[in-house]
PDB file of N, CA and C in Angstrom:
ATOM      1  N   MET A   1      27.536 -11.287  94.941  1.00  0.00           N
ATOM      2  CA  MET A   1      27.720 -12.224  93.852  1.00  0.00           C
ATOM      3  C   MET A   1      28.549 -11.595  92.737  1.00  0.00           C
ATOM      4  N   SER A   2      28.300 -10.347  92.397  1.00  0.00           N
ATOM      5  CA  SER A   2      29.033  -9.675  91.342  1.00  0.00           C
ATOM      6  C   SER A   2      30.531  -9.645  91.638  1.00  0.00           C
ATOM      7  N   ASN A   3      30.883  -9.376  92.895  1.00  0.00           N
ATOM      8  CA  ASN A   3      32.288  -9.341  93.287  1.00  0.00           C
ATOM      9  C   ASN A   3      32.927 -10.714  93.122  1.00  0.00           C
ATOM     10  N   GLN A   4      32.196 -11.785  93.464  1.00  0.00           N
ATOM     11  CA  GLN A   4      32.723 -13.135  93.297  1.00  0.00           C
ATOM     12  C   GLN A   4      32.931 -13.441  91.816  1.00  0.00           C
ATOM     13  N   LEU A   5      32.016 -13.027  90.980  1.00  0.00           N
ATOM     14  CA  LEU A   5      32.138 -13.246  89.549  1.00  0.00           C
ATOM     15  C   LEU A   5      33.363 -12.519  89.002  1.00  0.00           C
ATOM     16  N   THR A   6      33.592 -11.291  89.451  1.00  0.00           N
ATOM     17  CA  THR A   6      34.758 -10.524  89.028  1.00  0.00           C
ATOM     18  C   THR A   6      36.035 -11.234  89.460  1.00  0.00           C
ATOM     19  N   GLU A   7      36.066 -11.745  90.687  1.00  0.00           N
ATOM     20  CA  GLU A   7      37.245 -12.460  91.167  1.00  0.00           C
ATOM     21  C   GLU A   7      37.507 -13.696  90.321  1.00  0.00           C
ATOM     22  N   LEU A   8      36.467 -14.419  89.959  1.00  0.00           N
ATOM     23  CA  LEU A   8      36.645 -15.604  89.131  1.00  0.00           C
ATOM     24  C   LEU A   8      37.182 -15.237  87.760  1.00  0.00           C
ATOM     25  N   ASN A   9      36.665 -14.172  87.178  1.00  0.00           N
ATOM     26  CA  ASN A   9      37.156 -13.718  85.880  1.00  0.00           C
ATOM     27  C   ASN A   9      38.630 -13.328  85.951  1.00  0.00           C
ATOM     28  N   LEU A  10      39.044 -12.656  87.031  1.00  0.00           N
ATOM     29  CA  LEU A  10      40.441 -12.264  87.191  1.00  0.00           C
ATOM     30  C   LEU A  10      41.343 -13.487  87.339  1.00  0.00           C
ATOM     31  N   LEU A  11      40.843 -14.520  87.998  1.00  0.00           N
ATOM     32  CA  LEU A  11      41.642 -15.732  88.155  1.00  0.00           C
ATOM     33  C   LEU A  11      41.856 -16.432  86.819  1.00  0.00           C
ATOM     34  N   ASP A  12      40.912 -16.281  85.898  1.00  0.00           N
ATOM     35  CA  ASP A  12      41.021 -16.897  84.578  1.00  0.00           C
ATOM     36  C   ASP A  12      41.827 -16.040  83.607  1.00  0.00           C
ATOM     37  N   ASP A  13      42.092 -14.801  83.963  1.00  0.00           N
ATOM     38  CA  ASP A  13      42.806 -13.870  83.101  1.00  0.00           C
ATOM     39  C   ASP A  13      44.278 -13.858  83.514  1.00  0.00           C
ATOM     40  N   LYS A  14      45.103 -13.155  82.765  1.00  0.00           N
ATOM     41  CA  LYS A  14      46.484 -12.969  83.166  1.00  0.00           C
ATOM     42  C   LYS A  14      46.905 -11.547  82.851  1.00  0.00           C
ATOM     43  N   LEU A  15      47.940 -11.099  83.526  1.00  0.00           N
ATOM     44  CA  LEU A  15      48.480  -9.769  83.289  1.00  0.00           C
ATOM     45  C   LEU A  15      49.607  -9.866  82.275  1.00  0.00           C
ATOM     46  N   VAL A  16      49.628  -8.928  81.345  1.00  0.00           N
ATOM     47  CA  VAL A  16      50.679  -8.898  80.333  1.00  0.00           C
ATOM     48  C   VAL A  16      51.376  -7.547  80.374  1.00  0.00           C
ATOM     49  N   ASP A  17      52.620  -7.537  79.946  1.00  0.00           N
ATOM     50  CA  ASP A  17      53.382  -6.293  79.942  1.00  0.00           C
ATOM     51  C   ASP A  17      53.452  -5.718  78.532  1.00  0.00           C
ATOM     52  N   MET A  18      54.087  -4.558  78.422  1.00  0.00           N
ATOM     53  CA  MET A  18      54.171  -3.885  77.136  1.00  0.00           C
ATOM     54  C   MET A  18      54.968  -4.712  76.129  1.00  0.00           C
ATOM     55  N   ALA A  19      55.961  -5.450  76.587  1.00  0.00           N
ATOM     56  CA  ALA A  19      56.738  -6.294  75.669  1.00  0.00           C
ATOM     57  C   ALA A  19      55.830  -7.318  74.993  1.00  0.00           C
ATOM     58  N   PHE A  20      54.908  -7.894  75.754  1.00  0.00           N
ATOM     59  CA  PHE A  20      53.957  -8.840  75.173  1.00  0.00           C
ATOM     60  C   PHE A  20      53.091  -8.139  74.129  1.00  0.00           C
ATOM     61  N   ILE A  21      52.576  -6.956  74.474  1.00  0.00           N
ATOM     62  CA  ILE A  21      51.667  -6.227  73.589  1.00  0.00           C
ATOM     63  C   ILE A  21      52.362  -5.850  72.282  1.00  0.00           C
ATOM     64  N   THR A  22      53.595  -5.369  72.373  1.00  0.00           N
ATOM     65  CA  THR A  22      54.301  -4.971  71.154  1.00  0.00           C
ATOM     66  C   THR A  22      54.656  -6.185  70.299  1.00  0.00           C
ATOM     67  N   THR A  23      54.995  -7.291  70.923  1.00  0.00           N
ATOM     68  CA  THR A  23      55.285  -8.513  70.171  1.00  0.00           C
ATOM     69  C   THR A  23      54.013  -9.051  69.524  1.00  0.00           C
ATOM     70  N   PHE A  24      52.922  -9.035  70.272  1.00  0.00           N
ATOM     71  CA  PHE A  24      51.633  -9.539  69.797  1.00  0.00           C
ATOM     72  C   PHE A  24      51.117  -8.745  68.600  1.00  0.00           C
ATOM     73  N   THR A  25      51.301  -7.427  68.627  1.00  0.00           N
ATOM     74  CA  THR A  25      50.722  -6.564  67.596  1.00  0.00           C
ATOM     75  C   THR A  25      51.715  -6.134  66.526  1.00  0.00           C
ATOM     76  N   GLY A  26      52.991  -6.121  66.849  1.00  0.00           N
ATOM     77  CA  GLY A  26      53.991  -5.613  65.919  1.00  0.00           C
ATOM     78  C   GLY A  26      54.088  -4.098  65.911  1.00  0.00           C
ATOM     79  N   LEU A  27      53.406  -3.451  66.834  1.00  0.00           N
ATOM     80  CA  LEU A  27      53.431  -1.988  66.945  1.00  0.00           C
ATOM     81  C   LEU A  27      54.363  -1.578  68.084  1.00  0.00           C
ATOM     82  N   THR A  28      54.770  -0.321  68.111  1.00  0.00           N
ATOM     83  CA  THR A  28      55.727   0.141  69.120  1.00  0.00           C
ATOM     84  C   THR A  28      55.040   0.556  70.419  1.00  0.00           C
ATOM     85  N   ASP A  29      55.842   0.563  71.481  1.00  0.00           N
ATOM     86  CA  ASP A  29      55.319   1.008  72.766  1.00  0.00           C
ATOM     87  C   ASP A  29      54.918   2.478  72.716  1.00  0.00           C
ATOM     88  N   LYS A  30      55.649   3.303  71.969  1.00  0.00           N
ATOM     89  CA  LYS A  30      55.291   4.721  71.841  1.00  0.00           C
ATOM     90  C   LYS A  30      53.891   4.873  71.251  1.00  0.00           C
ATOM     91  N   TRP A  31      53.575   4.051  70.260  1.00  0.00           N
ATOM     92  CA  TRP A  31      52.260   4.097  69.632  1.00  0.00           C
ATOM     93  C   TRP A  31      51.181   3.791  70.665  1.00  0.00           C
ATOM     94  N   PHE A  32      51.419   2.769  71.488  1.00  0.00           N
ATOM     95  CA  PHE A  32      50.412   2.401  72.483  1.00  0.00           C
ATOM     96  C   PHE A  32      50.254   3.468  73.552  1.00  0.00           C
ATOM     97  N   TYR A  33      51.345   4.077  73.993  1.00  0.00           N
ATOM     98  CA  TYR A  33      51.217   5.130  74.992  1.00  0.00           C
ATOM     99  C   TYR A  33      50.476   6.337  74.421  1.00  0.00           C
ATOM    100  N   LYS A  34      50.634   6.583  73.119  1.00  0.00           N
ATOM    101  CA  LYS A  34      49.860   7.641  72.464  1.00  0.00           C
ATOM    102  C   LYS A  34      48.377   7.280  72.475  1.00  0.00           C
ATOM    103  N   LEU A  35      48.063   6.024  72.123  1.00  0.00           N
ATOM    104  CA  LEU A  35      46.669   5.575  72.130  1.00  0.00           C
ATOM    105  C   LEU A  35      46.070   5.661  73.533  1.00  0.00           C
ATOM    106  N   ILE A  36      46.843   5.301  74.546  1.00  0.00           N
ATOM    107  CA  ILE A  36      46.370   5.382  75.936  1.00  0.00           C
ATOM    108  C   ILE A  36      46.039   6.827  76.285  1.00  0.00           C
ATOM    109  N   SER A  37      46.921   7.745  75.911  1.00  0.00           N
ATOM    110  CA  SER A  37      46.686   9.164  76.238  1.00  0.00           C
ATOM    111  C   SER A  37      45.457   9.710  75.524  1.00  0.00           C
ATOM    112  N   GLU A  38      45.115   9.112  74.374  1.00  0.00           N
ATOM    113  CA  GLU A  38      43.931   9.530  73.621  1.00  0.00           C
ATOM    114  C   GLU A  38      42.685   8.748  74.025  1.00  0.00           C
ATOM    115  N   GLY A  39      42.813   7.820  74.972  1.00  0.00           N
ATOM    116  CA  GLY A  39      41.675   7.021  75.416  1.00  0.00           C
ATOM    117  C   GLY A  39      41.270   5.947  74.420  1.00  0.00           C
ATOM    118  N   LYS A  40      42.194   5.545  73.547  1.00  0.00           N
ATOM    119  CA  LYS A  40      41.878   4.563  72.506  1.00  0.00           C
ATOM    120  C   LYS A  40      42.448   3.174  72.793  1.00  0.00           C
ATOM    121  N   PHE A  41      43.102   3.017  73.939  1.00  0.00           N
ATOM    122  CA  PHE A  41      43.642   1.728  74.372  1.00  0.00           C
ATOM    123  C   PHE A  41      43.478   1.681  75.888  1.00  0.00           C
ATOM    124  N   PRO A  42      43.229   0.501  76.452  1.00  0.00           N
ATOM    125  CA  PRO A  42      43.009   0.421  77.906  1.00  0.00           C
ATOM    126  C   PRO A  42      44.171   1.007  78.710  1.00  0.00           C
ATOM    127  N   LYS A  43      43.828   1.694  79.773  1.00  0.00           N
ATOM    128  CA  LYS A  43      44.842   2.232  80.677  1.00  0.00           C
ATOM    129  C   LYS A  43      45.524   1.076  81.398  1.00  0.00           C
ATOM    130  N   PRO A  44      46.802   1.257  81.739  1.00  0.00           N
ATOM    131  CA  PRO A  44      47.512   0.178  82.428  1.00  0.00           C
ATOM    132  C   PRO A  44      47.080   0.048  83.883  1.00  0.00           C
ATOM    133  N   ILE A  45      47.326  -1.122  84.409  1.00  0.00           N
ATOM    134  CA  ILE A  45      47.174  -1.377  85.836  1.00  0.00           C
ATOM    135  C   ILE A  45      48.555  -1.144  86.431  1.00  0.00           C
ATOM    136  N   LYS A  46      48.670  -0.187  87.320  1.00  0.00           N
ATOM    137  CA  LYS A  46      49.967   0.148  87.891  1.00  0.00           C
ATOM    138  C   LYS A  46      50.234  -0.749  89.093  1.00  0.00           C
ATOM    139  N   LEU A  47      51.371  -1.409  89.071  1.00  0.00           N
ATOM    140  CA  LEU A  47      51.833  -2.264  90.170  1.00  0.00           C
ATOM    141  C   LEU A  47      53.219  -1.770  90.562  1.00  0.00           C
ATOM    142  N   GLY A  48      53.254  -0.867  91.532  1.00  0.00           N
ATOM    143  CA  GLY A  48      54.518  -0.226  91.855  1.00  0.00           C
ATOM    144  C   GLY A  48      54.955   0.616  90.669  1.00  0.00           C
ATOM    145  N   ARG A  49      56.163   0.347  90.166  1.00  0.00           N
ATOM    146  CA  ARG A  49      56.662   1.081  89.009  1.00  0.00           C
ATOM    147  C   ARG A  49      56.347   0.368  87.697  1.00  0.00           C
ATOM    148  N   SER A  50      55.715  -0.772  87.785  1.00  0.00           N
ATOM    149  CA  SER A  50      55.396  -1.557  86.595  1.00  0.00           C
ATOM    150  C   SER A  50      53.988  -1.279  86.101  1.00  0.00           C
ATOM    151  N   SER A  51      53.804  -1.462  84.816  1.00  0.00           N
ATOM    152  CA  SER A  51      52.484  -1.339  84.193  1.00  0.00           C
ATOM    153  C   SER A  51      52.130  -2.676  83.571  1.00  0.00           C
ATOM    154  N   ARG A  52      50.900  -3.108  83.802  1.00  0.00           N
ATOM    155  CA  ARG A  52      50.422  -4.353  83.218  1.00  0.00           C
ATOM    156  C   ARG A  52      49.011  -4.130  82.703  1.00  0.00           C
ATOM    157  N   TRP A  53      48.608  -4.988  81.772  1.00  0.00           N
ATOM    158  CA  TRP A  53      47.268  -4.938  81.198  1.00  0.00           C
ATOM    159  C   TRP A  53      46.648  -6.313  81.317  1.00  0.00           C
ATOM    160  N   LEU A  54      45.329  -6.349  81.415  1.00  0.00           N
ATOM    161  CA  LEU A  54      44.643  -7.640  81.387  1.00  0.00           C
ATOM    162  C   LEU A  54      44.691  -8.182  79.964  1.00  0.00           C
ATOM    163  N   HIS A  55      45.083  -9.418  79.833  1.00  0.00           N
ATOM    164  CA  HIS A  55      45.161 -10.055  78.531  1.00  0.00           C
ATOM    165  C   HIS A  55      43.821  -9.965  77.812  1.00  0.00           C
ATOM    166  N   SER A  56      42.736 -10.149  78.556  1.00  0.00           N
ATOM    167  CA  SER A  56      41.402 -10.104  77.948  1.00  0.00           C
ATOM    168  C   SER A  56      41.100  -8.734  77.352  1.00  0.00           C
ATOM    169  N   GLU A  57      41.559  -7.655  77.987  1.00  0.00           N
ATOM    170  CA  GLU A  57      41.326  -6.312  77.452  1.00  0.00           C
ATOM    171  C   GLU A  57      42.148  -6.067  76.189  1.00  0.00           C
ATOM    172  N   VAL A  58      43.386  -6.558  76.173  1.00  0.00           N
ATOM    173  CA  VAL A  58      44.228  -6.422  74.977  1.00  0.00           C
ATOM    174  C   VAL A  58      43.613  -7.221  73.832  1.00  0.00           C
ATOM    175  N   HIS A  59      43.160  -8.421  74.143  1.00  0.00           N
ATOM    176  CA  HIS A  59      42.534  -9.276  73.136  1.00  0.00           C
ATOM    177  C   HIS A  59      41.265  -8.618  72.582  1.00  0.00           C
ATOM    178  N   ALA A  60      40.442  -8.068  73.468  1.00  0.00           N
ATOM    179  CA  ALA A  60      39.201  -7.412  73.039  1.00  0.00           C
ATOM    180  C   ALA A  60      39.511  -6.201  72.162  1.00  0.00           C
ATOM    181  N   TRP A  61      40.530  -5.433  72.516  1.00  0.00           N
ATOM    182  CA  TRP A  61      40.929  -4.273  71.715  1.00  0.00           C
ATOM    183  C   TRP A  61      41.346  -4.724  70.323  1.00  0.00           C
ATOM    184  N   MET A  62      42.158  -5.777  70.271  1.00  0.00           N
ATOM    185  CA  MET A  62      42.632  -6.280  68.987  1.00  0.00           C
ATOM    186  C   MET A  62      41.478  -6.839  68.157  1.00  0.00           C
ATOM    187  N   GLN A  63      40.563  -7.549  68.786  1.00  0.00           N
ATOM    188  CA  GLN A  63      39.414  -8.097  68.066  1.00  0.00           C
ATOM    189  C   GLN A  63      38.548  -6.984  67.494  1.00  0.00           C
ATOM    190  N   GLU A  64      38.406  -5.901  68.253  1.00  0.00           N
ATOM    191  CA  GLU A  64      37.640  -4.747  67.763  1.00  0.00           C
ATOM    192  C   GLU A  64      38.302  -4.151  66.522  1.00  0.00           C
ATOM    193  N   ARG A  65      39.645  -4.043  66.532  1.00  0.00           N
ATOM    194  CA  ARG A  65      40.362  -3.528  65.355  1.00  0.00           C
ATOM    195  C   ARG A  65      40.144  -4.439  64.152  1.00  0.00           C
ATOM    196  N   ILE A  66      40.193  -5.745  64.378  1.00  0.00           N
ATOM    197  CA  ILE A  66      39.973  -6.712  63.293  1.00  0.00           C
ATOM    198  C   ILE A  66      38.566  -6.555  62.740  1.00  0.00           C
ATOM    199  N   ASP A  67      37.584  -6.506  63.630  1.00  0.00           N
ATOM    200  CA  ASP A  67      36.189  -6.369  63.197  1.00  0.00           C
ATOM    201  C   ASP A  67      35.970  -5.085  62.405  1.00  0.00           C
ATOM    202  N   LEU A  68      36.540  -3.982  62.879  1.00  0.00           N
ATOM    203  CA  LEU A  68      36.397  -2.694  62.182  1.00  0.00           C
ATOM    204  C   LEU A  68      37.042  -2.720  60.809  1.00  0.00           C
ATOM    205  N   SER A  69      38.161  -3.423  60.687  1.00  0.00           N
ATOM    206  CA  SER A  69      38.865  -3.446  59.401  1.00  0.00           C
ATOM    207  C   SER A  69      38.158  -4.331  58.373  1.00  0.00           C
ATOM    208  N   ARG A  70      37.280  -5.202  58.849  1.00  0.00           N
ATOM    209  CA  ARG A  70      36.594  -6.115  57.935  1.00  0.00           C
ATOM    210  C   ARG A  70      35.141  -5.746  57.715  1.00  0.00           C
ATOM    211  N   THR A  71      34.707  -4.646  58.287  1.00  0.00           N
ATOM    212  CA  THR A  71      33.356  -4.169  58.101  1.00  0.00           C
ATOM    213  C   THR A  71      33.290  -3.360  56.820  1.00  0.00           C
ATOM    214  N   PRO A  72      32.360  -3.680  55.951  1.00  0.00           N
ATOM    215  CA  PRO A  72      32.254  -2.904  54.713  1.00  0.00           C
ATOM    216  C   PRO A  72      31.965  -1.431  54.995  1.00  0.00           C
ATOM    217  N   ALA A  73      32.582  -0.569  54.229  1.00  0.00           N
ATOM    218  CA  ALA A  73      32.425   0.879  54.448  1.00  0.00           C
ATOM    219  C   ALA A  73      31.106   1.382  53.933  1.00  0.00           C
TER     220      ALA A  73
END
């Protein structure tokens, strides 16, 4: 059942490339590759020579940044 649930979630998600991520955030690809190397951004899904990310993971990362920035210190 867990595997079926994962498959359904993947069907509802989409893969995005670095161009999408940089446009969405306004940050550079170099910044994201630095974050990936530090374990602070999801690792890419390698498809041949291409790298893609799950839209849901990018969205969750961004939402976490928003939440952290609005939390009182």
